[in-house]
Amino acid sequence: MVAIVVLGIALSVALQTAGSTLDRAERARRELAMARFAETLLERAGVDLLLGATRMEGQEGTFFWRLYREREDPSEVARRSGGPVLWRIVAEVEDRAHGRSFALSTLRFEASR
């Protein structure tokens, strides 16, 4: 009888460990998918996204996303200098179904117009 109780406890611990490992693997897979999607958004910024706009948002599958840009140096001197403009571009991806979010940003120069 004691052996059965010990065996039951050992199986319970083994199943809990396996379950938590699978949960962590699934969470890592979702975070990697969000990171890849955010990277894709940054690559598309200025190509087919954020053309003439400073903010966009949308939904792709279970991901809600925001893409925006803002001047890195918003001072009047930078605006009047006529030189290139430095933009910070941010891609935020949220998986609301699983309560996770991810953000990437980059800097990009643009010739002034």
PDB file of N, CA and C in Angstrom:
ATOM      1  N   MET A   1       0.819  -1.193   0.000  1.00  0.00           N
ATOM      2  CA  MET A   1       0.000   0.000   0.000  1.00  0.00           C
ATOM      3  C   MET A   1       0.867   1.263   0.000  1.00  0.00           C
ATOM      4  N   VAL A   2       1.909   1.258   0.787  1.00  0.00           N
ATOM      5  CA  VAL A   2       2.818   2.399   0.842  1.00  0.00           C
ATOM      6  C   VAL A   2       3.493   2.584  -0.512  1.00  0.00           C
ATOM      7  N   ALA A   3       3.846   1.491  -1.155  1.00  0.00           N
ATOM      8  CA  ALA A   3       4.486   1.570  -2.465  1.00  0.00           C
ATOM      9  C   ALA A   3       3.556   2.222  -3.485  1.00  0.00           C
ATOM     10  N   ILE A   4       2.274   1.954  -3.415  1.00  0.00           N
ATOM     11  CA  ILE A   4       1.308   2.544  -4.346  1.00  0.00           C
ATOM     12  C   ILE A   4       1.203   4.048  -4.104  1.00  0.00           C
ATOM     13  N   VAL A   5       1.201   4.459  -2.837  1.00  0.00           N
ATOM     14  CA  VAL A   5       1.135   5.891  -2.504  1.00  0.00           C
ATOM     15  C   VAL A   5       2.392   6.595  -3.022  1.00  0.00           C
ATOM     16  N   VAL A   6       3.555   6.013  -2.788  1.00  0.00           N
ATOM     17  CA  VAL A   6       4.811   6.599  -3.259  1.00  0.00           C
ATOM     18  C   VAL A   6       4.815   6.678  -4.787  1.00  0.00           C
ATOM     19  N   LEU A   7       4.363   5.633  -5.449  1.00  0.00           N
ATOM     20  CA  LEU A   7       4.289   5.619  -6.907  1.00  0.00           C
ATOM     21  C   LEU A   7       3.336   6.708  -7.409  1.00  0.00           C
ATOM     22  N   GLY A   8       2.208   6.873  -6.737  1.00  0.00           N
ATOM     23  CA  GLY A   8       1.247   7.920  -7.105  1.00  0.00           C
ATOM     24  C   GLY A   8       1.841   9.311  -6.962  1.00  0.00           C
ATOM     25  N   ILE A   9       2.585   9.533  -5.881  1.00  0.00           N
ATOM     26  CA  ILE A   9       3.228  10.837  -5.671  1.00  0.00           C
ATOM     27  C   ILE A   9       4.281  11.080  -6.751  1.00  0.00           C
ATOM     28  N   ALA A  10       5.076  10.057  -7.043  1.00  0.00           N
ATOM     29  CA  ALA A  10       6.123  10.194  -8.063  1.00  0.00           C
ATOM     30  C   ALA A  10       5.514  10.494  -9.428  1.00  0.00           C
ATOM     31  N   LEU A  11       4.437   9.818  -9.787  1.00  0.00           N
ATOM     32  CA  LEU A  11       3.771  10.079 -11.069  1.00  0.00           C
ATOM     33  C   LEU A  11       3.181  11.480 -11.119  1.00  0.00           C
ATOM     34  N   SER A  12       2.621  11.914 -10.015  1.00  0.00           N
ATOM     35  CA  SER A  12       2.046  13.257  -9.950  1.00  0.00           C
ATOM     36  C   SER A  12       3.116  14.318 -10.178  1.00  0.00           C
ATOM     37  N   VAL A  13       4.253  14.164  -9.532  1.00  0.00           N
ATOM     38  CA  VAL A  13       5.352  15.118  -9.699  1.00  0.00           C
ATOM     39  C   VAL A  13       5.861  15.088 -11.140  1.00  0.00           C
ATOM     40  N   ALA A  14       5.993  13.904 -11.708  1.00  0.00           N
ATOM     41  CA  ALA A  14       6.477  13.782 -13.083  1.00  0.00           C
ATOM     42  C   ALA A  14       5.518  14.446 -14.068  1.00  0.00           C
ATOM     43  N   LEU A  15       4.224  14.268 -13.887  1.00  0.00           N
ATOM     44  CA  LEU A  15       3.240  14.879 -14.775  1.00  0.00           C
ATOM     45  C   LEU A  15       3.218  16.397 -14.635  1.00  0.00           C
ATOM     46  N   GLN A  16       3.349  16.901 -13.413  1.00  0.00           N
ATOM     47  CA  GLN A  16       3.386  18.348 -13.206  1.00  0.00           C
ATOM     48  C   GLN A  16       4.616  18.959 -13.874  1.00  0.00           C
ATOM     49  N   THR A  17       5.746  18.298 -13.749  1.00  0.00           N
ATOM     50  CA  THR A  17       6.977  18.788 -14.368  1.00  0.00           C
ATOM     51  C   THR A  17       6.847  18.803 -15.891  1.00  0.00           C
ATOM     52  N   ALA A  18       6.329  17.736 -16.446  1.00  0.00           N
ATOM     53  CA  ALA A  18       6.152  17.668 -17.902  1.00  0.00           C
ATOM     54  C   ALA A  18       5.163  18.733 -18.372  1.00  0.00           C
ATOM     55  N   GLY A  19       4.092  18.930 -17.629  1.00  0.00           N
ATOM     56  CA  GLY A  19       3.096  19.936 -17.996  1.00  0.00           C
ATOM     57  C   GLY A  19       3.656  21.337 -17.964  1.00  0.00           C
ATOM     58  N   SER A  20       4.438  21.667 -16.941  1.00  0.00           N
ATOM     59  CA  SER A  20       4.999  23.019 -16.872  1.00  0.00           C
ATOM     60  C   SER A  20       6.048  23.229 -17.963  1.00  0.00           C
ATOM     61  N   THR A  21       6.778  22.187 -18.313  1.00  0.00           N
ATOM     62  CA  THR A  21       7.753  22.292 -19.402  1.00  0.00           C
ATOM     63  C   THR A  21       7.050  22.560 -20.728  1.00  0.00           C
ATOM     64  N   LEU A  22       5.940  21.883 -20.975  1.00  0.00           N
ATOM     65  CA  LEU A  22       5.173  22.110 -22.203  1.00  0.00           C
ATOM     66  C   LEU A  22       4.583  23.519 -22.228  1.00  0.00           C
ATOM     67  N   ASP A  23       4.116  24.002 -21.077  1.00  0.00           N
ATOM     68  CA  ASP A  23       3.583  25.364 -21.004  1.00  0.00           C
ATOM     69  C   ASP A  23       4.669  26.393 -21.340  1.00  0.00           C
ATOM     70  N   ARG A  24       5.858  26.194 -20.784  1.00  0.00           N
ATOM     71  CA  ARG A  24       6.958  27.119 -21.066  1.00  0.00           C
ATOM     72  C   ARG A  24       7.342  27.079 -22.548  1.00  0.00           C
ATOM     73  N   ALA A  25       7.355  25.907 -23.126  1.00  0.00           N
ATOM     74  CA  ALA A  25       7.691  25.779 -24.543  1.00  0.00           C
ATOM     75  C   ALA A  25       6.650  26.478 -25.417  1.00  0.00           C
ATOM     76  N   GLU A  26       5.383  26.336 -25.082  1.00  0.00           N
ATOM     77  CA  GLU A  26       4.318  26.990 -25.842  1.00  0.00           C
ATOM     78  C   GLU A  26       4.401  28.508 -25.683  1.00  0.00           C
ATOM     79  N   ARG A  27       4.681  28.986 -24.480  1.00  0.00           N
ATOM     80  CA  ARG A  27       4.823  30.425 -24.246  1.00  0.00           C
ATOM     81  C   ARG A  27       6.002  30.978 -25.054  1.00  0.00           C
ATOM     82  N   ALA A  28       7.114  30.247 -25.076  1.00  0.00           N
ATOM     83  CA  ALA A  28       8.287  30.678 -25.852  1.00  0.00           C
ATOM     84  C   ALA A  28       7.971  30.701 -27.348  1.00  0.00           C
ATOM     85  N   ARG A  29       7.205  29.722 -27.828  1.00  0.00           N
ATOM     86  CA  ARG A  29       6.825  29.682 -29.235  1.00  0.00           C
ATOM     87  C   ARG A  29       5.968  30.891 -29.608  1.00  0.00           C
ATOM     88  N   ARG A  30       5.012  31.252 -28.736  1.00  0.00           N
ATOM     89  CA  ARG A  30       4.160  32.416 -28.995  1.00  0.00           C
ATOM     90  C   ARG A  30       4.980  33.708 -28.982  1.00  0.00           C
ATOM     91  N   GLU A  31       5.911  33.825 -28.018  1.00  0.00           N
ATOM     92  CA  GLU A  31       6.734  35.032 -27.945  1.00  0.00           C
ATOM     93  C   GLU A  31       7.632  35.157 -29.174  1.00  0.00           C
ATOM     94  N   LEU A  32       8.153  34.055 -29.670  1.00  0.00           N
ATOM     95  CA  LEU A  32       8.958  34.081 -30.884  1.00  0.00           C
ATOM     96  C   LEU A  32       8.111  34.508 -32.084  1.00  0.00           C
ATOM     97  N   ALA A  33       6.889  34.026 -32.156  1.00  0.00           N
ATOM     98  CA  ALA A  33       5.991  34.427 -33.254  1.00  0.00           C
ATOM     99  C   ALA A  33       5.692  35.921 -33.174  1.00  0.00           C
ATOM    100  N   MET A  34       5.486  36.469 -31.972  1.00  0.00           N
ATOM    101  CA  MET A  34       5.250  37.904 -31.822  1.00  0.00           C
ATOM    102  C   MET A  34       6.483  38.698 -32.237  1.00  0.00           C
ATOM    103  N   ALA A  35       7.666  38.221 -31.854  1.00  0.00           N
ATOM    104  CA  ALA A  35       8.904  38.914 -32.212  1.00  0.00           C
ATOM    105  C   ALA A  35       9.103  38.924 -33.723  1.00  0.00           C
ATOM    106  N   ARG A  36       8.849  37.810 -34.365  1.00  0.00           N
ATOM    107  CA  ARG A  36       8.973  37.748 -35.828  1.00  0.00           C
ATOM    108  C   ARG A  36       7.991  38.687 -36.507  1.00  0.00           C
ATOM    109  N   PHE A  37       6.769  38.738 -35.995  1.00  0.00           N
ATOM    110  CA  PHE A  37       5.767  39.617 -36.591  1.00  0.00           C
ATOM    111  C   PHE A  37       6.154  41.084 -36.389  1.00  0.00           C
ATOM    112  N   ALA A  38       6.652  41.435 -35.203  1.00  0.00           N
ATOM    113  CA  ALA A  38       7.089  42.816 -34.947  1.00  0.00           C
ATOM    114  C   ALA A  38       8.243  43.190 -35.880  1.00  0.00           C
ATOM    115  N   GLU A  39       9.157  42.266 -36.094  1.00  0.00           N
ATOM    116  CA  GLU A  39      10.273  42.511 -37.007  1.00  0.00           C
ATOM    117  C   GLU A  39       9.766  42.736 -38.437  1.00  0.00           C
ATOM    118  N   THR A  40       8.779  41.974 -38.850  1.00  0.00           N
ATOM    119  CA  THR A  40       8.187  42.150 -40.174  1.00  0.00           C
ATOM    120  C   THR A  40       7.537  43.526 -40.299  1.00  0.00           C
ATOM    121  N   LEU A  41       6.847  43.961 -39.249  1.00  0.00           N
ATOM    122  CA  LEU A  41       6.236  45.294 -39.278  1.00  0.00           C
ATOM    123  C   LEU A  41       7.297  46.376 -39.444  1.00  0.00           C
ATOM    124  N   LEU A  42       8.406  46.256 -38.714  1.00  0.00           N
ATOM    125  CA  LEU A  42       9.474  47.245 -38.833  1.00  0.00           C
ATOM    126  C   LEU A  42      10.067  47.253 -40.239  1.00  0.00           C
ATOM    127  N   GLU A  43      10.224  46.072 -40.831  1.00  0.00           N
ATOM    128  CA  GLU A  43      10.757  45.997 -42.192  1.00  0.00           C
ATOM    129  C   GLU A  43       9.821  46.654 -43.201  1.00  0.00           C
ATOM    130  N   ARG A  44       8.526  46.546 -42.960  1.00  0.00           N
ATOM    131  CA  ARG A  44       7.542  47.096 -43.903  1.00  0.00           C
ATOM    132  C   ARG A  44       7.309  48.596 -43.706  1.00  0.00           C
ATOM    133  N   ALA A  45       7.754  49.150 -42.571  1.00  0.00           N
ATOM    134  CA  ALA A  45       7.558  50.581 -42.300  1.00  0.00           C
ATOM    135  C   ALA A  45       8.266  51.394 -43.379  1.00  0.00           C
ATOM    136  N   GLY A  46       7.510  52.255 -44.044  1.00  0.00           N
ATOM    137  CA  GLY A  46       8.075  53.071 -45.110  1.00  0.00           C
ATOM    138  C   GLY A  46       8.039  52.404 -46.467  1.00  0.00           C
ATOM    139  N   VAL A  47       7.767  51.097 -46.509  1.00  0.00           N
ATOM    140  CA  VAL A  47       7.650  50.388 -47.780  1.00  0.00           C
ATOM    141  C   VAL A  47       6.177  50.330 -48.177  1.00  0.00           C
ATOM    142  N   ASP A  48       5.364  49.705 -47.338  1.00  0.00           N
ATOM    143  CA  ASP A  48       3.922  49.708 -47.595  1.00  0.00           C
ATOM    144  C   ASP A  48       3.123  50.059 -46.339  1.00  0.00           C
ATOM    145  N   LEU A  49       3.800  50.335 -45.242  1.00  0.00           N
ATOM    146  CA  LEU A  49       3.148  50.802 -44.014  1.00  0.00           C
ATOM    147  C   LEU A  49       3.755  52.138 -43.607  1.00  0.00           C
ATOM    148  N   LEU A  50       2.987  52.953 -42.933  1.00  0.00           N
ATOM    149  CA  LEU A  50       3.402  54.281 -42.462  1.00  0.00           C
ATOM    150  C   LEU A  50       3.779  55.221 -43.606  1.00  0.00           C
ATOM    151  N   LEU A  51       3.182  55.038 -44.739  1.00  0.00           N
ATOM    152  CA  LEU A  51       3.421  55.956 -45.852  1.00  0.00           C
ATOM    153  C   LEU A  51       2.572  57.206 -45.633  1.00  0.00           C
ATOM    154  N   GLY A  52       3.204  58.290 -45.249  1.00  0.00           N
ATOM    155  CA  GLY A  52       2.488  59.533 -44.998  1.00  0.00           C
ATOM    156  C   GLY A  52       1.750  59.557 -43.675  1.00  0.00           C
ATOM    157  N   ALA A  53       1.840  58.526 -42.895  1.00  0.00           N
ATOM    158  CA  ALA A  53       1.176  58.483 -41.590  1.00  0.00           C
ATOM    159  C   ALA A  53       2.229  58.299 -40.502  1.00  0.00           C
ATOM    160  N   THR A  54       1.875  58.636 -39.290  1.00  0.00           N
ATOM    161  CA  THR A  54       2.805  58.423 -38.178  1.00  0.00           C
ATOM    162  C   THR A  54       2.339  57.305 -37.258  1.00  0.00           C
ATOM    163  N   ARG A  55       1.119  56.810 -37.469  1.00  0.00           N
ATOM    164  CA  ARG A  55       0.592  55.754 -36.604  1.00  0.00           C
ATOM    165  C   ARG A  55      -0.366  54.864 -37.383  1.00  0.00           C
ATOM    166  N   MET A  56      -0.231  53.558 -37.166  1.00  0.00           N
ATOM    167  CA  MET A  56      -1.152  52.579 -37.760  1.00  0.00           C
ATOM    168  C   MET A  56      -1.402  51.489 -36.731  1.00  0.00           C
ATOM    169  N   GLU A  57      -2.515  50.831 -36.864  1.00  0.00           N
ATOM    170  CA  GLU A  57      -2.784  49.665 -36.020  1.00  0.00           C
ATOM    171  C   GLU A  57      -3.710  48.716 -36.756  1.00  0.00           C
ATOM    172  N   GLY A  58      -3.715  47.478 -36.306  1.00  0.00           N
ATOM    173  CA  GLY A  58      -4.551  46.490 -36.950  1.00  0.00           C
ATOM    174  C   GLY A  58      -4.523  45.172 -36.202  1.00  0.00           C
ATOM    175  N   GLN A  59      -5.074  44.171 -36.830  1.00  0.00           N
ATOM    176  CA  GLN A  59      -5.128  42.834 -36.254  1.00  0.00           C
ATOM    177  C   GLN A  59      -4.731  41.820 -37.323  1.00  0.00           C
ATOM    178  N   GLU A  60      -3.910  40.876 -36.930  1.00  0.00           N
ATOM    179  CA  GLU A  60      -3.473  39.792 -37.808  1.00  0.00           C
ATOM    180  C   GLU A  60      -3.620  38.502 -37.006  1.00  0.00           C
ATOM    181  N   GLY A  61      -4.640  37.720 -37.322  1.00  0.00           N
ATOM    182  CA  GLY A  61      -4.893  36.500 -36.533  1.00  0.00           C
ATOM    183  C   GLY A  61      -5.236  36.864 -35.097  1.00  0.00           C
ATOM    184  N   THR A  62      -4.505  36.319 -34.146  1.00  0.00           N
ATOM    185  CA  THR A  62      -4.751  36.630 -32.734  1.00  0.00           C
ATOM    186  C   THR A  62      -3.906  37.804 -32.257  1.00  0.00           C
ATOM    187  N   PHE A  63      -3.098  38.390 -33.140  1.00  0.00           N
ATOM    188  CA  PHE A  63      -2.226  39.492 -32.749  1.00  0.00           C
ATOM    189  C   PHE A  63      -2.869  40.840 -33.065  1.00  0.00           C
ATOM    190  N   PHE A  64      -2.852  41.728 -32.099  1.00  0.00           N
ATOM    191  CA  PHE A  64      -3.211  43.117 -32.302  1.00  0.00           C
ATOM    192  C   PHE A  64      -1.889  43.872 -32.380  1.00  0.00           C
ATOM    193  N   TRP A  65      -1.759  44.774 -33.353  1.00  0.00           N
ATOM    194  CA  TRP A  65      -0.471  45.444 -33.532  1.00  0.00           C
ATOM    195  C   TRP A  65      -0.633  46.944 -33.690  1.00  0.00           C
ATOM    196  N   ARG A  66       0.425  47.656 -33.299  1.00  0.00           N
ATOM    197  CA  ARG A  66       0.533  49.099 -33.476  1.00  0.00           C
ATOM    198  C   ARG A  66       1.913  49.374 -34.051  1.00  0.00           C
ATOM    199  N   LEU A  67       1.955  50.273 -35.012  1.00  0.00           N
ATOM    200  CA  LEU A  67       3.212  50.687 -35.608  1.00  0.00           C
ATOM    201  C   LEU A  67       3.179  52.202 -35.646  1.00  0.00           C
ATOM    202  N   TYR A  68       4.184  52.836 -35.074  1.00  0.00           N
ATOM    203  CA  TYR A  68       4.212  54.292 -35.091  1.00  0.00           C
ATOM    204  C   TYR A  68       5.644  54.786 -35.175  1.00  0.00           C
ATOM    205  N   ARG A  69       5.738  56.042 -35.577  1.00  0.00           N
ATOM    206  CA  ARG A  69       7.051  56.674 -35.644  1.00  0.00           C
ATOM    207  C   ARG A  69       6.952  58.035 -34.989  1.00  0.00           C
ATOM    208  N   GLU A  70       8.064  58.456 -34.404  1.00  0.00           N
ATOM    209  CA  GLU A  70       8.140  59.770 -33.781  1.00  0.00           C
ATOM    210  C   GLU A  70       9.557  60.307 -33.979  1.00  0.00           C
ATOM    211  N   ARG A  71       9.650  61.605 -34.072  1.00  0.00           N
ATOM    212  CA  ARG A  71      10.966  62.225 -34.237  1.00  0.00           C
ATOM    213  C   ARG A  71      11.821  61.918 -33.017  1.00  0.00           C
ATOM    214  N   GLU A  72      13.043  61.521 -33.277  1.00  0.00           N
ATOM    215  CA  GLU A  72      13.959  61.255 -32.171  1.00  0.00           C
ATOM    216  C   GLU A  72      14.436  62.571 -31.554  1.00  0.00           C
ATOM    217  N   ASP A  73      14.567  63.637 -32.382  1.00  0.00           N
ATOM    218  CA  ASP A  73      14.956  64.962 -31.901  1.00  0.00           C
ATOM    219  C   ASP A  73      13.888  65.954 -32.347  1.00  0.00           C
ATOM    220  N   PRO A  74      12.850  66.135 -31.517  1.00  0.00           N
ATOM    221  CA  PRO A  74      11.724  66.977 -31.946  1.00  0.00           C
ATOM    222  C   PRO A  74      11.967  68.473 -31.770  1.00  0.00           C
ATOM    223  N   SER A  75      13.192  68.890 -31.469  1.00  0.00           N
ATOM    224  CA  SER A  75      13.454  70.309 -31.220  1.00  0.00           C
ATOM    225  C   SER A  75      13.269  71.138 -32.493  1.00  0.00           C
ATOM    226  N   GLU A  76      13.030  72.398 -32.312  1.00  0.00           N
ATOM    227  CA  GLU A  76      12.851  73.317 -33.444  1.00  0.00           C
ATOM    228  C   GLU A  76      14.116  73.402 -34.280  1.00  0.00           C
ATOM    229  N   VAL A  77      15.285  73.335 -33.647  1.00  0.00           N
ATOM    230  CA  VAL A  77      16.547  73.420 -34.388  1.00  0.00           C
ATOM    231  C   VAL A  77      16.628  72.274 -35.386  1.00  0.00           C
ATOM    232  N   ALA A  78      16.263  71.073 -34.956  1.00  0.00           N
ATOM    233  CA  ALA A  78      16.305  69.917 -35.853  1.00  0.00           C
ATOM    234  C   ALA A  78      15.302  70.075 -36.988  1.00  0.00           C
ATOM    235  N   ARG A  79      14.145  70.648 -36.717  1.00  0.00           N
ATOM    236  CA  ARG A  79      13.123  70.811 -37.749  1.00  0.00           C
ATOM    237  C   ARG A  79      13.535  71.837 -38.800  1.00  0.00           C
ATOM    238  N   ARG A  80      14.218  72.901 -38.375  1.00  0.00           N
ATOM    239  CA  ARG A  80      14.578  73.977 -39.297  1.00  0.00           C
ATOM    240  C   ARG A  80      15.900  73.746 -40.005  1.00  0.00           C
ATOM    241  N   SER A  81      16.651  72.741 -39.572  1.00  0.00           N
ATOM    242  CA  SER A  81      18.003  72.565 -40.111  1.00  0.00           C
ATOM    243  C   SER A  81      18.000  72.134 -41.575  1.00  0.00           C
ATOM    244  N   GLY A  82      16.935  71.515 -42.032  1.00  0.00           N
ATOM    245  CA  GLY A  82      16.872  71.078 -43.417  1.00  0.00           C
ATOM    246  C   GLY A  82      17.655  69.807 -43.681  1.00  0.00           C
ATOM    247  N   GLY A  83      18.285  69.260 -42.672  1.00  0.00           N
ATOM    248  CA  GLY A  83      19.037  68.018 -42.824  1.00  0.00           C
ATOM    249  C   GLY A  83      18.125  66.809 -42.676  1.00  0.00           C
ATOM    250  N   PRO A  84      18.713  65.627 -42.629  1.00  0.00           N
ATOM    251  CA  PRO A  84      17.896  64.425 -42.477  1.00  0.00           C
ATOM    252  C   PRO A  84      17.196  64.393 -41.121  1.00  0.00           C
ATOM    253  N   VAL A  85      16.071  63.728 -41.089  1.00  0.00           N
ATOM    254  CA  VAL A  85      15.275  63.597 -39.870  1.00  0.00           C
ATOM    255  C   VAL A  85      15.503  62.199 -39.312  1.00  0.00           C
ATOM    256  N   LEU A  86      15.744  62.128 -38.013  1.00  0.00           N
ATOM    257  CA  LEU A  86      15.916  60.839 -37.351  1.00  0.00           C
ATOM    258  C   LEU A  86      14.593  60.431 -36.715  1.00  0.00           C
ATOM    259  N   TRP A  87      14.084  59.276 -37.123  1.00  0.00           N
ATOM    260  CA  TRP A  87      12.810  58.757 -36.612  1.00  0.00           C
ATOM    261  C   TRP A  87      13.047  57.519 -35.759  1.00  0.00           C
ATOM    262  N   ARG A  88      12.313  57.407 -34.678  1.00  0.00           N
ATOM    263  CA  ARG A  88      12.228  56.160 -33.915  1.00  0.00           C
ATOM    264  C   ARG A  88      10.945  55.483 -34.372  1.00  0.00           C
ATOM    265  N   ILE A  89      11.075  54.252 -34.874  1.00  0.00           N
ATOM    266  CA  ILE A  89       9.914  53.495 -35.340  1.00  0.00           C
ATOM    267  C   ILE A  89       9.707  52.343 -34.369  1.00  0.00           C
ATOM    268  N   VAL A  90       8.488  52.212 -33.875  1.00  0.00           N
ATOM    269  CA  VAL A  90       8.166  51.212 -32.849  1.00  0.00           C
ATOM    270  C   VAL A  90       7.061  50.297 -33.360  1.00  0.00           C
ATOM    271  N   ALA A  91       7.271  49.004 -33.207  1.00  0.00           N
ATOM    272  CA  ALA A  91       6.256  47.993 -33.521  1.00  0.00           C
ATOM    273  C   ALA A  91       5.889  47.290 -32.221  1.00  0.00           C
ATOM    274  N   GLU A  92       4.623  47.349 -31.874  1.00  0.00           N
ATOM    275  CA  GLU A  92       4.121  46.676 -30.675  1.00  0.00           C
ATOM    276  C   GLU A  92       3.132  45.605 -31.103  1.00  0.00           C
ATOM    277  N   VAL A  93       3.305  44.401 -30.584  1.00  0.00           N
ATOM    278  CA  VAL A  93       2.427  43.281 -30.909  1.00  0.00           C
ATOM    279  C   VAL A  93       1.881  42.736 -29.601  1.00  0.00           C
ATOM    280  N   GLU A  94       0.573  42.520 -29.560  1.00  0.00           N
ATOM    281  CA  GLU A  94      -0.087  42.037 -28.352  1.00  0.00           C
ATOM    282  C   GLU A  94      -0.907  40.795 -28.676  1.00  0.00           C
ATOM    283  N   ASP A  95      -0.719  39.778 -27.868  1.00  0.00           N
ATOM    284  CA  ASP A  95      -1.519  38.554 -27.972  1.00  0.00           C
ATOM    285  C   ASP A  95      -2.487  38.576 -26.794  1.00  0.00           C
ATOM    286  N   ARG A  96      -3.632  39.188 -26.999  1.00  0.00           N
ATOM    287  CA  ARG A  96      -4.590  39.376 -25.901  1.00  0.00           C
ATOM    288  C   ARG A  96      -5.151  38.062 -25.390  1.00  0.00           C
ATOM    289  N   ALA A  97      -5.208  37.057 -26.249  1.00  0.00           N
ATOM    290  CA  ALA A  97      -5.739  35.761 -25.832  1.00  0.00           C
ATOM    291  C   ALA A  97      -4.871  35.134 -24.747  1.00  0.00           C
ATOM    292  N   HIS A  98      -3.573  35.449 -24.765  1.00  0.00           N
ATOM    293  CA  HIS A  98      -2.666  34.853 -23.795  1.00  0.00           C
ATOM    294  C   HIS A  98      -2.023  35.885 -22.871  1.00  0.00           C
ATOM    295  N   GLY A  99      -2.438  37.138 -22.976  1.00  0.00           N
ATOM    296  CA  GLY A  99      -1.947  38.172 -22.078  1.00  0.00           C
ATOM    297  C   GLY A  99      -0.472  38.489 -22.233  1.00  0.00           C
ATOM    298  N   ARG A 100       0.028  38.435 -23.453  1.00  0.00           N
ATOM    299  CA  ARG A 100       1.446  38.701 -23.713  1.00  0.00           C
ATOM    300  C   ARG A 100       1.578  39.850 -24.708  1.00  0.00           C
ATOM    301  N   SER A 101       2.692  40.579 -24.611  1.00  0.00           N
ATOM    302  CA  SER A 101       2.967  41.626 -25.587  1.00  0.00           C
ATOM    303  C   SER A 101       4.462  41.684 -25.842  1.00  0.00           C
ATOM    304  N   PHE A 102       4.811  42.300 -26.956  1.00  0.00           N
ATOM    305  CA  PHE A 102       6.199  42.378 -27.376  1.00  0.00           C
ATOM    306  C   PHE A 102       6.372  43.660 -28.171  1.00  0.00           C
ATOM    307  N   ALA A 103       7.509  44.330 -28.008  1.00  0.00           N
ATOM    308  CA  ALA A 103       7.767  45.563 -28.756  1.00  0.00           C
ATOM    309  C   ALA A 103       9.205  45.574 -29.252  1.00  0.00           C
ATOM    310  N   LEU A 104       9.382  46.092 -30.450  1.00  0.00           N
ATOM    311  CA  LEU A 104      10.700  46.309 -31.042  1.00  0.00           C
ATOM    312  C   LEU A 104      10.744  47.731 -31.565  1.00  0.00           C
ATOM    313  N   SER A 105      11.921  48.342 -31.542  1.00  0.00           N
ATOM    314  CA  SER A 105      12.051  49.672 -32.125  1.00  0.00           C
ATOM    315  C   SER A 105      13.370  49.770 -32.875  1.00  0.00           C
ATOM    316  N   THR A 106      13.413  50.727 -33.772  1.00  0.00           N
ATOM    317  CA  THR A 106      14.618  50.982 -34.556  1.00  0.00           C
ATOM    318  C   THR A 106      14.691  52.471 -34.849  1.00  0.00           C
ATOM    319  N   LEU A 107      15.850  52.910 -35.264  1.00  0.00           N
ATOM    320  CA  LEU A 107      16.039  54.294 -35.693  1.00  0.00           C
ATOM    321  C   LEU A 107      16.257  54.307 -37.194  1.00  0.00           C
ATOM    322  N   ARG A 108      15.708  55.339 -37.845  1.00  0.00           N
ATOM    323  CA  ARG A 108      15.837  55.431 -39.293  1.00  0.00           C
ATOM    324  C   ARG A 108      15.979  56.906 -39.699  1.00  0.00           C
ATOM    325  N   PHE A 109      16.927  57.165 -40.576  1.00  0.00           N
ATOM    326  CA  PHE A 109      17.083  58.511 -41.133  1.00  0.00           C
ATOM    327  C   PHE A 109      16.197  58.656 -42.349  1.00  0.00           C
ATOM    328  N   GLU A 110      15.681  59.854 -42.520  1.00  0.00           N
ATOM    329  CA  GLU A 110      14.894  60.169 -43.705  1.00  0.00           C
ATOM    330  C   GLU A 110      15.309  61.563 -44.177  1.00  0.00           C
ATOM    331  N   ALA A 111      15.540  61.689 -45.447  1.00  0.00           N
ATOM    332  CA  ALA A 111      15.901  62.990 -45.999  1.00  0.00           C
ATOM    333  C   ALA A 111      14.741  63.941 -45.811  1.00  0.00           C
ATOM    334  N   SER A 112      15.040  65.167 -45.427  1.00  0.00           N
ATOM    335  CA  SER A 112      13.968  66.152 -45.247  1.00  0.00           C
ATOM    336  C   SER A 112      13.405  66.547 -46.597  1.00  0.00           C
ATOM    337  N   ARG A 113      12.180  66.994 -46.596  1.00  0.00           N
ATOM    338  CA  ARG A 113      11.507  67.307 -47.858  1.00  0.00           C
ATOM    339  C   ARG A 113      11.422  68.782 -48.081  1.00  0.00           C
TER     340      ARG A 113
END
